[in-house]
C-alpha atoms as a PDB file:
ATOM      1  CA  MET A   1       0.000   0.000   0.000  1.00  0.00           C
ATOM      2  CA  PRO A   2       1.514   3.353  -1.036  1.00  0.00           C
ATOM      3  CA  LYS A   3       2.157   6.033   1.597  1.00  0.00           C
ATOM      4  CA  ILE A   4       0.267   9.326   1.470  1.00  0.00           C
ATOM      5  CA  LYS A   5       2.705  12.165   0.977  1.00  0.00           C
ATOM      6  CA  MET A   6       2.024  14.965   3.459  1.00  0.00           C
ATOM      7  CA  PRO A   7       2.733  18.598   2.403  1.00  0.00           C
ATOM      8  CA  SER A   8       6.028  19.766   3.752  1.00  0.00           C
ATOM      9  CA  GLY A   9       5.148  23.539   4.130  1.00  0.00           C
ATOM     10  CA  SER A  10       2.773  25.135   6.673  1.00  0.00           C
ATOM     11  CA  PRO A  11      -0.593  26.482   5.357  1.00  0.00           C
ATOM     12  CA  SER A  12      -0.783  30.233   4.627  1.00  0.00           C
ATOM     13  CA  LEU A  13      -3.685  32.680   4.449  1.00  0.00           C
ATOM     14  CA  ASP A  14      -3.655  35.408   1.787  1.00  0.00           C
ATOM     15  CA  MET A  15      -4.702  38.671   3.544  1.00  0.00           C
ATOM     16  CA  THR A  16      -4.428  40.856   0.455  1.00  0.00           C
ATOM     17  CA  PRO A  17      -8.172  40.899  -0.443  1.00  0.00           C
ATOM     18  CA  MET A  18      -9.090  41.785   3.162  1.00  0.00           C
ATOM     19  CA  VAL A  19      -6.606  44.665   3.252  1.00  0.00           C
ATOM     20  CA  ASP A  20      -7.893  45.925  -0.099  1.00  0.00           C
ATOM     21  CA  LEU A  21     -11.462  45.810   1.201  1.00  0.00           C
ATOM     22  CA  ALA A  22     -10.505  47.688   4.384  1.00  0.00           C
ATOM     23  CA  PHE A  23      -8.840  50.496   2.418  1.00  0.00           C
ATOM     24  CA  LEU A  24     -11.804  50.624   0.056  1.00  0.00           C
ATOM     25  CA  LEU A  25     -14.205  51.112   2.975  1.00  0.00           C
ATOM     26  CA  VAL A  26     -11.984  53.759   4.570  1.00  0.00           C
ATOM     27  CA  THR A  27     -11.808  55.654   1.264  1.00  0.00           C
ATOM     28  CA  PHE A  28     -15.589  55.431   0.844  1.00  0.00           C
ATOM     29  CA  PHE A  29     -16.314  56.858   4.298  1.00  0.00           C
ATOM     30  CA  MET A  30     -13.736  59.633   3.846  1.00  0.00           C
ATOM     31  CA  LEU A  31     -15.304  60.718   0.564  1.00  0.00           C
ATOM     32  CA  THR A  32     -18.921  60.529   1.694  1.00  0.00           C
ATOM     33  CA  ALA A  33     -18.629  61.827   5.265  1.00  0.00           C
ATOM     34  CA  THR A  34     -19.688  65.401   5.995  1.00  0.00           C
ATOM     35  CA  SER A  35     -18.408  67.517   8.850  1.00  0.00           C
ATOM     36  CA  ARG A  36     -20.780  68.164  11.712  1.00  0.00           C
ATOM     37  CA  VAL A  37     -22.083  71.720  11.770  1.00  0.00           C
ATOM     38  CA  SER A  38     -22.860  73.640  14.919  1.00  0.00           C
ATOM     39  CA  GLU A  39     -26.500  73.800  15.949  1.00  0.00           C
ATOM     40  CA  PRO A  40     -27.111  77.368  17.195  1.00  0.00           C
ATOM     41  CA  VAL A  41     -30.156  76.486  19.252  1.00  0.00           C
ATOM     42  CA  VAL A  42     -31.279  73.531  21.327  1.00  0.00           C
ATOM     43  CA  VAL A  43     -34.750  73.583  22.813  1.00  0.00           C
ATOM     44  CA  ASP A  44     -36.648  71.412  25.238  1.00  0.00           C
ATOM     45  CA  THR A  45     -40.130  71.190  23.788  1.00  0.00           C
ATOM     46  CA  PRO A  46     -43.274  70.377  25.765  1.00  0.00           C
ATOM     47  CA  SER A  47     -44.573  66.825  25.562  1.00  0.00           C
ATOM     48  CA  SER A  48     -47.788  65.629  23.947  1.00  0.00           C
ATOM     49  CA  ILE A  49     -49.433  62.377  22.895  1.00  0.00           C
ATOM     50  CA  SER A  50     -49.141  63.154  19.172  1.00  0.00           C
ATOM     51  CA  ASP A  51     -46.998  60.655  17.270  1.00  0.00           C
ATOM     52  CA  LYS A  52     -47.050  62.362  13.881  1.00  0.00           C
ATOM     53  CA  ILE A  53     -43.702  62.489  12.121  1.00  0.00           C
ATOM     54  CA  LEU A  54     -42.463  65.826  10.792  1.00  0.00           C
ATOM     55  CA  PRO A  55     -42.280  65.733   6.962  1.00  0.00           C
ATOM     56  CA  ASN A  56     -38.975  66.176   5.155  1.00  0.00           C
ATOM     57  CA  ASN A  57     -39.939  69.283   3.198  1.00  0.00           C
ATOM     58  CA  VAL A  58     -40.449  71.740   6.031  1.00  0.00           C
ATOM     59  CA  LEU A  59     -39.856  75.385   6.900  1.00  0.00           C
ATOM     60  CA  LEU A  60     -39.154  75.497  10.613  1.00  0.00           C
ATOM     61  CA  VAL A  61     -39.106  78.410  13.053  1.00  0.00           C
ATOM     62  CA  THR A  62     -37.612  77.606  16.439  1.00  0.00           C
ATOM     63  CA  VAL A  63     -38.209  79.715  19.557  1.00  0.00           C
ATOM     64  CA  ASP A  64     -35.700  79.238  22.361  1.00  0.00           C
ATOM     65  CA  ALA A  65     -36.229  79.634  26.094  1.00  0.00           C
ATOM     66  CA  PHE A  66     -35.430  83.387  25.847  1.00  0.00           C
ATOM     67  CA  GLY A  67     -37.982  84.004  23.108  1.00  0.00           C
ATOM     68  CA  LYS A  68     -35.434  84.368  20.281  1.00  0.00           C
ATOM     69  CA  ALA A  69     -36.460  83.138  16.837  1.00  0.00           C
ATOM     70  CA  TYR A  70     -34.410  80.899  14.521  1.00  0.00           C
ATOM     71  CA  TYR A  71     -35.164  79.924  10.935  1.00  0.00           C
ATOM     72  CA  THR A  72     -34.377  77.011   8.670  1.00  0.00           C
ATOM     73  CA  ILE A  73     -35.742  75.305   5.597  1.00  0.00           C
ATOM     74  CA  ASN A  74     -34.740  71.720   4.890  1.00  0.00           C
ATOM     75  CA  ASP A  75     -33.943  71.798   1.191  1.00  0.00           C
ATOM     76  CA  PRO A  76     -30.345  73.127   0.786  1.00  0.00           C
ATOM     77  CA  GLU A  77     -31.008  74.339  -2.770  1.00  0.00           C
ATOM     78  CA  VAL A  78     -34.077  76.302  -1.683  1.00  0.00           C
ATOM     79  CA  ARG A  79     -32.147  77.608   1.327  1.00  0.00           C
ATOM     80  CA  ILE A  80     -29.436  79.066  -0.899  1.00  0.00           C
ATOM     81  CA  LYS A  81     -31.986  80.629  -3.259  1.00  0.00           C
ATOM     82  CA  THR A  82     -33.735  82.142  -0.248  1.00  0.00           C
ATOM     83  CA  LEU A  83     -30.435  83.603   0.944  1.00  0.00           C
ATOM     84  CA  GLU A  84     -29.908  85.241  -2.459  1.00  0.00           C
ATOM     85  CA  LYS A  85     -33.346  86.876  -2.266  1.00  0.00           C
ATOM     86  CA  MET A  86     -32.711  88.083   1.269  1.00  0.00           C
ATOM     87  CA  GLY A  87     -29.358  89.490   0.154  1.00  0.00           C
ATOM     88  CA  GLN A  88     -31.051  91.439  -2.636  1.00  0.00           C
ATOM     89  CA  GLN A  89     -33.758  92.663  -0.283  1.00  0.00           C
ATOM     90  CA  TYR A  90     -31.321  93.951   2.338  1.00  0.00           C
ATOM     91  CA  LYS A  91     -28.386  94.884   0.030  1.00  0.00           C
ATOM     92  CA  VAL A  92     -26.030  92.251   1.393  1.00  0.00           C
ATOM     93  CA  ASN A  93     -23.789  90.460  -1.109  1.00  0.00           C
ATOM     94  CA  PHE A  94     -22.781  86.874  -0.421  1.00  0.00           C
ATOM     95  CA  THR A  95     -19.945  85.114  -2.216  1.00  0.00           C
ATOM     96  CA  ASN A  96     -20.497  81.727  -3.840  1.00  0.00           C
ATOM     97  CA  GLU A  97     -18.465  80.114  -1.066  1.00  0.00           C
ATOM     98  CA  GLU A  98     -20.622  81.784   1.589  1.00  0.00           C
ATOM     99  CA  LYS A  99     -23.774  80.574  -0.184  1.00  0.00           C
ATOM    100  CA  LYS A 100     -22.345  77.069  -0.294  1.00  0.00           C
ATOM    101  CA  ASP A 101     -21.548  77.186   3.425  1.00  0.00           C
ATOM    102  CA  PHE A 102     -25.020  78.539   4.155  1.00  0.00           C
ATOM    103  CA  GLY A 103     -26.541  75.605   2.284  1.00  0.00           C
ATOM    104  CA  ARG A 104     -24.829  73.265   4.758  1.00  0.00           C
ATOM    105  CA  MET A 105     -25.903  75.195   7.851  1.00  0.00           C
ATOM    106  CA  THR A 106     -28.749  74.172  10.102  1.00  0.00           C
ATOM    107  CA  SER A 107     -30.855  76.957  11.560  1.00  0.00           C
ATOM    108  CA  LEU A 108     -29.819  80.603  11.801  1.00  0.00           C
ATOM    109  CA  GLY A 109     -30.617  83.129  14.477  1.00  0.00           C
ATOM    110  CA  VAL A 110     -28.940  86.386  13.459  1.00  0.00           C
ATOM    111  CA  PRO A 111     -30.085  89.513  11.585  1.00  0.00           C
ATOM    112  CA  ILE A 112     -29.248  89.447   7.875  1.00  0.00           C
ATOM    113  CA  GLN A 113     -26.711  92.256   8.448  1.00  0.00           C
ATOM    114  CA  LYS A 114     -24.683  89.923  10.709  1.00  0.00           C
ATOM    115  CA  LEU A 115     -25.110  86.785   8.639  1.00  0.00           C
ATOM    116  CA  LYS A 116     -21.904  87.136   6.567  1.00  0.00           C
ATOM    117  CA  GLU A 117     -19.895  87.407   9.759  1.00  0.00           C
ATOM    118  CA  TYR A 118     -21.651  84.358  11.203  1.00  0.00           C
ATOM    119  CA  ILE A 119     -21.193  82.225   8.083  1.00  0.00           C
ATOM    120  CA  ASN A 120     -17.450  82.940   8.060  1.00  0.00           C
ATOM    121  CA  MET A 121     -16.942  81.919  11.683  1.00  0.00           C
ATOM    122  CA  SER A 122     -15.184  78.649  12.449  1.00  0.00           C
ATOM    123  CA  GLU A 123     -17.371  75.864  13.784  1.00  0.00           C
ATOM    124  CA  SER A 124     -15.829  76.283  17.252  1.00  0.00           C
ATOM    125  CA  ASP A 125     -16.638  80.020  17.250  1.00  0.00           C
ATOM    126  CA  LYS A 126     -20.186  79.318  16.064  1.00  0.00           C
ATOM    127  CA  ALA A 127     -20.623  76.878  18.928  1.00  0.00           C
ATOM    128  CA  LYS A 128     -19.669  79.638  21.419  1.00  0.00           C
ATOM    129  CA  PHE A 129     -21.592  82.417  19.653  1.00  0.00           C
ATOM    130  CA  LYS A 130     -24.707  83.770  21.389  1.00  0.00           C
ATOM    131  CA  SER A 131     -27.253  84.245  18.608  1.00  0.00           C
ATOM    132  CA  PRO A 132     -29.442  87.337  19.115  1.00  0.00           C
ATOM    133  CA  GLY A 133     -32.337  85.828  17.150  1.00  0.00           C
ATOM    134  CA  ILE A 134     -33.972  86.984  13.927  1.00  0.00           C
ATOM    135  CA  PRO A 135     -35.822  90.330  14.197  1.00  0.00           C
ATOM    136  CA  LEU A 136     -39.586  89.980  13.884  1.00  0.00           C
ATOM    137  CA  ASP A 137     -40.991  93.249  15.183  1.00  0.00           C
ATOM    138  CA  SER A 138     -43.377  95.372  13.155  1.00  0.00           C
ATOM    139  CA  LEU A 139     -40.640  97.754  11.928  1.00  0.00           C
ATOM    140  CA  ASN A 140     -38.077  95.105  11.044  1.00  0.00           C
ATOM    141  CA  ASN A 141     -39.708  91.733  10.464  1.00  0.00           C
ATOM    142  CA  GLN A 142     -36.880  89.818   8.811  1.00  0.00           C
ATOM    143  CA  LEU A 143     -38.412  86.519   9.900  1.00  0.00           C
ATOM    144  CA  GLY A 144     -41.436  87.324   7.759  1.00  0.00           C
ATOM    145  CA  ASP A 145     -39.163  87.894   4.752  1.00  0.00           C
ATOM    146  CA  TRP A 146     -37.323  84.598   5.326  1.00  0.00           C
ATOM    147  CA  ILE A 147     -40.704  82.831   5.375  1.00  0.00           C
ATOM    148  CA  THR A 148     -41.958  84.622   2.268  1.00  0.00           C
ATOM    149  CA  PHE A 149     -38.857  84.006   0.164  1.00  0.00           C
ATOM    150  CA  GLY A 150     -38.512  80.421   1.395  1.00  0.00           C
ATOM    151  CA  ARG A 151     -42.091  79.729   0.399  1.00  0.00           C
ATOM    152  CA  ILE A 152     -41.637  81.309  -3.042  1.00  0.00           C
ATOM    153  CA  GLU A 153     -38.378  79.484  -3.785  1.00  0.00           C
ATOM    154  CA  ALA A 154     -39.853  76.135  -2.653  1.00  0.00           C
ATOM    155  CA  ALA A 155     -42.789  76.678  -5.028  1.00  0.00           C
ATOM    156  CA  LYS A 156     -40.394  77.568  -7.877  1.00  0.00           C
ATOM    157  CA  LYS A 157     -38.411  74.391  -7.336  1.00  0.00           C
ATOM    158  CA  ALA A 158     -41.598  72.295  -7.250  1.00  0.00           C
ATOM    159  CA  LYS A 159     -42.747  73.807 -10.567  1.00  0.00           C
ATOM    160  CA  SER A 160     -39.318  73.249 -12.114  1.00  0.00           C
ATOM    161  CA  GLU A 161     -39.321  69.584 -11.079  1.00  0.00           C
ATOM    162  CA  LYS A 162     -42.878  69.159 -12.332  1.00  0.00           C
ATOM    163  CA  ASP A 163     -41.973  70.631 -15.748  1.00  0.00           C
ATOM    164  CA  ARG A 164     -38.921  68.377 -15.961  1.00  0.00           C
ATOM    165  CA  ALA A 165     -40.968  65.305 -15.068  1.00  0.00           C
ATOM    166  CA  GLU A 166     -43.604  66.112 -17.706  1.00  0.00           C
ATOM    167  CA  LYS A 167     -40.929  66.730 -20.318  1.00  0.00           C
ATOM    168  CA  ASN A 168     -39.344  63.349 -19.603  1.00  0.00           C
ATOM    169  CA  GLY A 169     -42.692  61.555 -19.324  1.00  0.00           C
ATOM    170  CA  ARG A 170     -42.128  60.673 -15.681  1.00  0.00           C
ATOM    171  CA  GLU A 171     -44.588  60.675 -12.818  1.00  0.00           C
ATOM    172  CA  PHE A 172     -44.284  63.813 -10.719  1.00  0.00           C
ATOM    173  CA  LYS A 173     -43.956  63.152  -7.014  1.00  0.00           C
ATOM    174  CA  TYR A 174     -43.902  66.142  -4.739  1.00  0.00           C
ATOM    175  CA  GLU A 175     -44.137  66.646  -1.007  1.00  0.00           C
ATOM    176  CA  PRO A 176     -45.689  70.083  -0.364  1.00  0.00           C
ATOM    177  CA  LEU A 177     -43.772  72.505   1.825  1.00  0.00           C
ATOM    178  CA  ARG A 178     -45.012  72.342   5.395  1.00  0.00           C
ATOM    179  CA  PHE A 179     -44.568  74.939   8.109  1.00  0.00           C
ATOM    180  CA  ALA A 180     -43.666  74.176  11.704  1.00  0.00           C
ATOM    181  CA  ILE A 181     -42.927  75.921  14.990  1.00  0.00           C
ATOM    182  CA  LYS A 182     -40.671  74.375  17.600  1.00  0.00           C
ATOM    183  CA  ALA A 183     -40.768  76.271  20.879  1.00  0.00           C
ATOM    184  CA  ASP A 184     -38.972  75.627  24.132  1.00  0.00           C
ATOM    185  CA  GLY A 185     -41.293  74.755  26.999  1.00  0.00           C
ATOM    186  CA  LYS A 186     -39.894  77.712  28.972  1.00  0.00           C
ATOM    187  CA  SER A 187     -40.256  80.323  26.221  1.00  0.00           C
ATOM    188  CA  ASN A 188     -42.590  83.235  26.772  1.00  0.00           C
ATOM    189  CA  TYR A 189     -46.044  82.765  25.285  1.00  0.00           C
ATOM    190  CA  ILE A 190     -45.882  86.254  23.737  1.00  0.00           C
ATOM    191  CA  ALA A 191     -42.767  85.280  21.759  1.00  0.00           C
ATOM    192  CA  VAL A 192     -44.524  82.220  20.341  1.00  0.00           C
ATOM    193  CA  LYS A 193     -47.603  84.310  19.639  1.00  0.00           C
ATOM    194  CA  ASP A 194     -45.474  86.804  17.656  1.00  0.00           C
ATOM    195  CA  VAL A 195     -44.112  83.965  15.511  1.00  0.00           C
ATOM    196  CA  ILE A 196     -47.631  82.662  14.881  1.00  0.00           C
ATOM    197  CA  LYS A 197     -48.706  86.192  13.917  1.00  0.00           C
ATOM    198  CA  THR A 198     -45.806  86.385  11.468  1.00  0.00           C
ATOM    199  CA  PHE A 199     -47.117  83.222   9.795  1.00  0.00           C
ATOM    200  CA  THR A 200     -50.731  84.391   9.736  1.00  0.00           C
ATOM    201  CA  ASP A 201     -49.710  87.801   8.366  1.00  0.00           C
ATOM    202  CA  LYS A 202     -48.350  85.817   5.396  1.00  0.00           C
ATOM    203  CA  GLU A 203     -51.714  84.017   5.143  1.00  0.00           C
ATOM    204  CA  ILE A 204     -50.214  80.797   6.428  1.00  0.00           C
ATOM    205  CA  TYR A 205     -52.777  79.352   8.806  1.00  0.00           C
ATOM    206  CA  ARG A 206     -51.725  75.715   8.949  1.00  0.00           C
ATOM    207  CA  PHE A 207     -48.512  74.716  10.675  1.00  0.00           C
ATOM    208  CA  ASN A 208     -47.242  71.952  12.930  1.00  0.00           C
ATOM    209  CA  LEU A 209     -46.308  72.552  16.559  1.00  0.00           C
ATOM    210  CA  ILE A 210     -43.411  70.259  17.389  1.00  0.00           C
ATOM    211  CA  THR A 211     -43.489  68.475  20.739  1.00  0.00           C
ATOM    212  CA  ASN A 212     -41.833  65.532  22.422  1.00  0.00           C
ATOM    213  CA  LEU A 213     -43.814  62.324  22.442  1.00  0.00           C
ATOM    214  CA  GLU A 214     -45.225  61.791  25.907  1.00  0.00           C
ATOM    215  CA  GLU A 215     -44.452  58.405  27.442  1.00  0.00           C
ATOM    216  CA  ALA A 216     -47.485  56.184  27.804  1.00  0.00           C
ATOM    217  CA  ALA A 217     -48.683  55.670  31.367  1.00  0.00           C
ATOM    218  CA  GLU A 218     -48.121  52.138  32.648  1.00  0.00           C
END
């Protein structure tokens, strides 16, 4: 009976594909990751039993515990277009780089005259900056202008996408712009009332009030 010849060398494992995969994943995350931007306002909203989810296409006004108003609109493209309109309205010129940075920002809480300075701050300086809030009094209601231009630019984008869909024979899917107010539970009622009046002055009578979901009683 012949003898079975055993291999003389020890078995080896080729790690090259695993190393290639690891570098591929690292490269992917480096190229797709975005830097975290500073959030100028954090609020503690009242609780409720409503479990409705806020839609993606939303114009949001936040009121902090001191009654200061902050503005944002979700769509970055619409946000930049809105900034251009505000710049024209108040004679403030923004560079393309500033517009690009603004498109990445979250909410803002400064007068338009101070916005260039705020955009050009480092993220660490923004985190320490005390936002004065957006003016919304009867003589200088910049919040009302942000709402107006945001609404107009959102409608323009919706029409543009609809025209493109019809031209290409595609179904047009559109989520209408919604309006929302997110107020801190400690904010003054008058401040929230002023924000609501700013909406109603623009003939916007339907908006969501954002709350925390109340825990069910056991």
